[in-house]
């Protein structure tokens, strides 16, 4: 539910899903997915910039 609600990219959907089901389970996937996506966006952005020149 947390992954489908977008908890890996934004905290708003995870908060709403958590409130709706009255559980903190949607937050389980948030920290790791958020950290990994931040690193991947940075690395792929760098390569896109280098390769476009």
PDB file of N, CA and C in Angstrom:
ATOM      1  N   UNK A   1       0.829  -1.197   0.000  1.00  0.00           N
ATOM      2  CA  UNK A   1       0.000   0.000   0.000  1.00  0.00           C
ATOM      3  C   UNK A   1       0.868   1.252   0.000  1.00  0.00           C
ATOM      4  N   UNK A   2       1.925   1.234   0.808  1.00  0.00           N
ATOM      5  CA  UNK A   2       2.798   2.404   0.873  1.00  0.00           C
ATOM      6  C   UNK A   2       3.500   2.673  -0.435  1.00  0.00           C
ATOM      7  N   UNK A   3       3.986   1.625  -1.094  1.00  0.00           N
ATOM      8  CA  UNK A   3       4.651   1.786  -2.379  1.00  0.00           C
ATOM      9  C   UNK A   3       3.697   2.259  -3.445  1.00  0.00           C
ATOM     10  N   UNK A   4       2.494   1.718  -3.457  1.00  0.00           N
ATOM     11  CA  UNK A   4       1.500   2.102  -4.454  1.00  0.00           C
ATOM     12  C   UNK A   4       1.063   3.546  -4.230  1.00  0.00           C
ATOM     13  N   UNK A   5       0.997   3.968  -2.989  1.00  0.00           N
ATOM     14  CA  UNK A   5       0.560   5.326  -2.670  1.00  0.00           C
ATOM     15  C   UNK A   5       1.647   6.361  -2.920  1.00  0.00           C
ATOM     16  N   UNK A   6       2.822   5.921  -3.293  1.00  0.00           N
ATOM     17  CA  UNK A   6       3.898   6.857  -3.585  1.00  0.00           C
ATOM     18  C   UNK A   6       4.742   7.206  -2.384  1.00  0.00           C
ATOM     19  N   UNK A   7       4.761   6.342  -1.397  1.00  0.00           N
ATOM     20  CA  UNK A   7       5.522   6.669  -0.192  1.00  0.00           C
ATOM     21  C   UNK A   7       7.011   6.722  -0.454  1.00  0.00           C
ATOM     22  N   UNK A   8       7.453   6.146  -1.568  1.00  0.00           N
ATOM     23  CA  UNK A   8       8.881   6.177  -1.852  1.00  0.00           C
ATOM     24  C   UNK A   8       9.318   7.494  -2.463  1.00  0.00           C
ATOM     25  N   UNK A   9       8.394   8.334  -2.842  1.00  0.00           N
ATOM     26  CA  UNK A   9       8.791   9.586  -3.458  1.00  0.00           C
ATOM     27  C   UNK A   9       8.263  10.829  -2.745  1.00  0.00           C
ATOM     28  N   UNK A  10       7.224  10.688  -1.957  1.00  0.00           N
ATOM     29  CA  UNK A  10       6.636  11.858  -1.304  1.00  0.00           C
ATOM     30  C   UNK A  10       5.922  11.403  -0.033  1.00  0.00           C
ATOM     31  N   UNK A  11       6.037  12.176   1.019  1.00  0.00           N
ATOM     32  CA  UNK A  11       5.461  11.769   2.301  1.00  0.00           C
ATOM     33  C   UNK A  11       3.964  11.993   2.412  1.00  0.00           C
ATOM     34  N   UNK A  12       3.401  12.854   1.588  1.00  0.00           N
ATOM     35  CA  UNK A  12       1.962  13.152   1.656  1.00  0.00           C
ATOM     36  C   UNK A  12       1.075  11.929   1.460  1.00  0.00           C
ATOM     37  N   UNK A  13       1.271  11.171   0.375  1.00  0.00           N
ATOM     38  CA  UNK A  13       0.449   9.976   0.175  1.00  0.00           C
ATOM     39  C   UNK A  13       0.630   8.941   1.279  1.00  0.00           C
ATOM     40  N   UNK A  14       1.834   8.790   1.786  1.00  0.00           N
ATOM     41  CA  UNK A  14       2.060   7.837   2.869  1.00  0.00           C
ATOM     42  C   UNK A  14       1.315   8.273   4.126  1.00  0.00           C
ATOM     43  N   UNK A  15       1.320   9.570   4.389  1.00  0.00           N
ATOM     44  CA  UNK A  15       0.615  10.091   5.559  1.00  0.00           C
ATOM     45  C   UNK A  15      -0.884   9.844   5.445  1.00  0.00           C
ATOM     46  N   UNK A  16      -1.428  10.099   4.257  1.00  0.00           N
ATOM     47  CA  UNK A  16      -2.869   9.889   4.055  1.00  0.00           C
ATOM     48  C   UNK A  16      -3.236   8.407   4.121  1.00  0.00           C
ATOM     49  N   UNK A  17      -2.414   7.544   3.533  1.00  0.00           N
ATOM     50  CA  UNK A  17      -2.680   6.103   3.602  1.00  0.00           C
ATOM     51  C   UNK A  17      -2.591   5.625   5.043  1.00  0.00           C
ATOM     52  N   UNK A  18      -1.628   6.132   5.772  1.00  0.00           N
ATOM     53  CA  UNK A  18      -1.466   5.760   7.173  1.00  0.00           C
ATOM     54  C   UNK A  18      -2.677   6.194   7.994  1.00  0.00           C
ATOM     55  N   UNK A  19      -3.172   7.385   7.724  1.00  0.00           N
ATOM     56  CA  UNK A  19      -4.335   7.894   8.441  1.00  0.00           C
ATOM     57  C   UNK A  19      -5.597   7.095   8.091  1.00  0.00           C
ATOM     58  N   UNK A  20      -5.721   6.746   6.795  1.00  0.00           N
ATOM     59  CA  UNK A  20      -6.912   6.035   6.324  1.00  0.00           C
ATOM     60  C   UNK A  20      -7.036   4.642   6.937  1.00  0.00           C
ATOM     61  N   UNK A  21      -5.923   3.930   7.017  1.00  0.00           N
ATOM     62  CA  UNK A  21      -5.986   2.560   7.547  1.00  0.00           C
ATOM     63  C   UNK A  21      -5.631   2.487   9.027  1.00  0.00           C
ATOM     64  N   UNK A  22      -5.316   3.636   9.633  1.00  0.00           N
ATOM     65  CA  UNK A  22      -4.991   3.716  11.054  1.00  0.00           C
ATOM     66  C   UNK A  22      -3.835   2.781  11.415  1.00  0.00           C
ATOM     67  N   UNK A  23      -2.775   2.869  10.619  1.00  0.00           N
ATOM     68  CA  UNK A  23      -1.602   2.028  10.821  1.00  0.00           C
ATOM     69  C   UNK A  23      -0.379   2.768  10.307  1.00  0.00           C
ATOM     70  N   UNK A  24       0.783   2.420  10.820  1.00  0.00           N
ATOM     71  CA  UNK A  24       2.020   3.041  10.354  1.00  0.00           C
ATOM     72  C   UNK A  24       2.741   2.193   9.311  1.00  0.00           C
ATOM     73  N   UNK A  25       2.122   1.133   8.833  1.00  0.00           N
ATOM     74  CA  UNK A  25       2.754   0.236   7.869  1.00  0.00           C
ATOM     75  C   UNK A  25       3.158   0.942   6.570  1.00  0.00           C
ATOM     76  N   UNK A  26       2.378   1.883   6.018  1.00  0.00           N
ATOM     77  CA  UNK A  26       2.839   2.539   4.787  1.00  0.00           C
ATOM     78  C   UNK A  26       4.175   3.258   4.927  1.00  0.00           C
ATOM     79  N   UNK A  27       4.582   3.581   6.141  1.00  0.00           N
ATOM     80  CA  UNK A  27       5.852   4.275   6.339  1.00  0.00           C
ATOM     81  C   UNK A  27       7.051   3.342   6.298  1.00  0.00           C
ATOM     82  N   UNK A  28       6.831   2.038   6.284  1.00  0.00           N
ATOM     83  CA  UNK A  28       7.945   1.090   6.306  1.00  0.00           C
ATOM     84  C   UNK A  28       8.852   1.278   5.091  1.00  0.00           C
ATOM     85  N   UNK A  29       8.278   1.478   3.906  1.00  0.00           N
ATOM     86  CA  UNK A  29       9.084   1.605   2.697  1.00  0.00           C
ATOM     87  C   UNK A  29       9.608   2.991   2.418  1.00  0.00           C
ATOM     88  N   UNK A  30       9.261   3.964   3.223  1.00  0.00           N
ATOM     89  CA  UNK A  30       9.615   5.351   2.900  1.00  0.00           C
ATOM     90  C   UNK A  30      11.098   5.680   3.042  1.00  0.00           C
ATOM     91  N   UNK A  31      11.754   5.440   4.172  1.00  0.00           N
ATOM     92  CA  UNK A  31      13.135   5.938   4.333  1.00  0.00           C
ATOM     93  C   UNK A  31      14.130   5.343   3.346  1.00  0.00           C
ATOM     94  N   UNK A  32      14.095   4.044   3.168  1.00  0.00           N
ATOM     95  CA  UNK A  32      15.060   3.398   2.279  1.00  0.00           C
ATOM     96  C   UNK A  32      14.795   3.789   0.829  1.00  0.00           C
ATOM     97  N   UNK A  33      13.556   3.723   0.420  1.00  0.00           N
ATOM     98  CA  UNK A  33      13.220   4.096  -0.953  1.00  0.00           C
ATOM     99  C   UNK A  33      13.527   5.553  -1.255  1.00  0.00           C
ATOM    100  N   UNK A  34      13.281   6.423  -0.298  1.00  0.00           N
ATOM    101  CA  UNK A  34      13.553   7.848  -0.485  1.00  0.00           C
ATOM    102  C   UNK A  34      15.048   8.096  -0.635  1.00  0.00           C
ATOM    103  N   UNK A  35      15.842   7.440   0.200  1.00  0.00           N
ATOM    104  CA  UNK A  35      17.299   7.611   0.140  1.00  0.00           C
ATOM    105  C   UNK A  35      17.863   7.064  -1.164  1.00  0.00           C
ATOM    106  N   UNK A  36      17.418   5.878  -1.545  1.00  0.00           N
ATOM    107  CA  UNK A  36      17.925   5.275  -2.774  1.00  0.00           C
ATOM    108  C   UNK A  36      17.521   6.103  -3.992  1.00  0.00           C
ATOM    109  N   UNK A  37      16.279   6.559  -4.034  1.00  0.00           N
ATOM    110  CA  UNK A  37      15.851   7.347  -5.189  1.00  0.00           C
ATOM    111  C   UNK A  37      16.617   8.660  -5.273  1.00  0.00           C
ATOM    112  N   UNK A  38      16.926   9.266  -4.139  1.00  0.00           N
ATOM    113  CA  UNK A  38      17.713  10.503  -4.152  1.00  0.00           C
ATOM    114  C   UNK A  38      19.100  10.290  -4.729  1.00  0.00           C
ATOM    115  N   UNK A  39      19.735   9.197  -4.364  1.00  0.00           N
ATOM    116  CA  UNK A  39      21.069   8.883  -4.881  1.00  0.00           C
ATOM    117  C   UNK A  39      20.998   8.567  -6.373  1.00  0.00           C
ATOM    118  N   UNK A  40      20.013   7.753  -6.769  1.00  0.00           N
ATOM    119  CA  UNK A  40      19.894   7.381  -8.174  1.00  0.00           C
ATOM    120  C   UNK A  40      19.584   8.589  -9.057  1.00  0.00           C
ATOM    121  N   UNK A  41      18.714   9.482  -8.596  1.00  0.00           N
ATOM    122  CA  UNK A  41      18.421  10.685  -9.376  1.00  0.00           C
ATOM    123  C   UNK A  41      19.683  11.523  -9.570  1.00  0.00           C
ATOM    124  N   UNK A  42      20.491  11.625  -8.545  1.00  0.00           N
ATOM    125  CA  UNK A  42      21.723  12.408  -8.635  1.00  0.00           C
ATOM    126  C   UNK A  42      22.703  11.771  -9.611  1.00  0.00           C
ATOM    127  N   UNK A  43      22.906  10.468  -9.495  1.00  0.00           N
ATOM    128  CA  UNK A  43      23.860   9.764 -10.364  1.00  0.00           C
ATOM    129  C   UNK A  43      23.387   9.798 -11.820  1.00  0.00           C
ATOM    130  N   UNK A  44      22.123   9.451 -12.060  1.00  0.00           N
ATOM    131  CA  UNK A  44      21.620   9.440 -13.429  1.00  0.00           C
ATOM    132  C   UNK A  44      21.556  10.849 -14.020  1.00  0.00           C
ATOM    133  N   UNK A  45      21.278  11.839 -13.201  1.00  0.00           N
ATOM    134  CA  UNK A  45      21.283  13.221 -13.668  1.00  0.00           C
ATOM    135  C   UNK A  45      22.663  13.653 -14.094  1.00  0.00           C
ATOM    136  N   UNK A  46      23.676  13.238 -13.334  1.00  0.00           N
ATOM    137  CA  UNK A  46      25.055  13.557 -13.686  1.00  0.00           C
ATOM    138  C   UNK A  46      25.427  12.912 -15.018  1.00  0.00           C
ATOM    139  N   UNK A  47      25.104  11.625 -15.165  1.00  0.00           N
ATOM    140  CA  UNK A  47      25.426  10.941 -16.420  1.00  0.00           C
ATOM    141  C   UNK A  47      24.661  11.531 -17.600  1.00  0.00           C
ATOM    142  N   UNK A  48      23.439  11.925 -17.410  1.00  0.00           N
ATOM    143  CA  UNK A  48      22.663  12.548 -18.480  1.00  0.00           C
ATOM    144  C   UNK A  48      23.303  13.874 -18.893  1.00  0.00           C
ATOM    145  N   UNK A  49      23.795  14.616 -17.919  1.00  0.00           N
ATOM    146  CA  UNK A  49      24.426  15.876 -18.218  1.00  0.00           C
ATOM    147  C   UNK A  49      25.746  15.672 -18.970  1.00  0.00           C
ATOM    148  N   UNK A  50      26.538  14.705 -18.522  1.00  0.00           N
ATOM    149  CA  UNK A  50      27.828  14.430 -19.157  1.00  0.00           C
ATOM    150  C   UNK A  50      27.635  13.885 -20.567  1.00  0.00           C
ATOM    151  N   UNK A  51      26.676  12.997 -20.750  1.00  0.00           N
ATOM    152  CA  UNK A  51      26.479  12.379 -22.048  1.00  0.00           C
ATOM    153  C   UNK A  51      25.819  13.324 -23.058  1.00  0.00           C
ATOM    154  N   UNK A  52      25.154  14.348 -22.590  1.00  0.00           N
ATOM    155  CA  UNK A  52      24.486  15.253 -23.513  1.00  0.00           C
ATOM    156  C   UNK A  52      25.433  16.295 -24.108  1.00  0.00           C
ATOM    157  N   UNK A  53      26.653  16.370 -23.613  1.00  0.00           N
ATOM    158  CA  UNK A  53      27.601  17.384 -24.105  1.00  0.00           C
ATOM    159  C   UNK A  53      28.336  16.897 -25.312  1.00  0.00           C
TER     160      UNK A  53
END
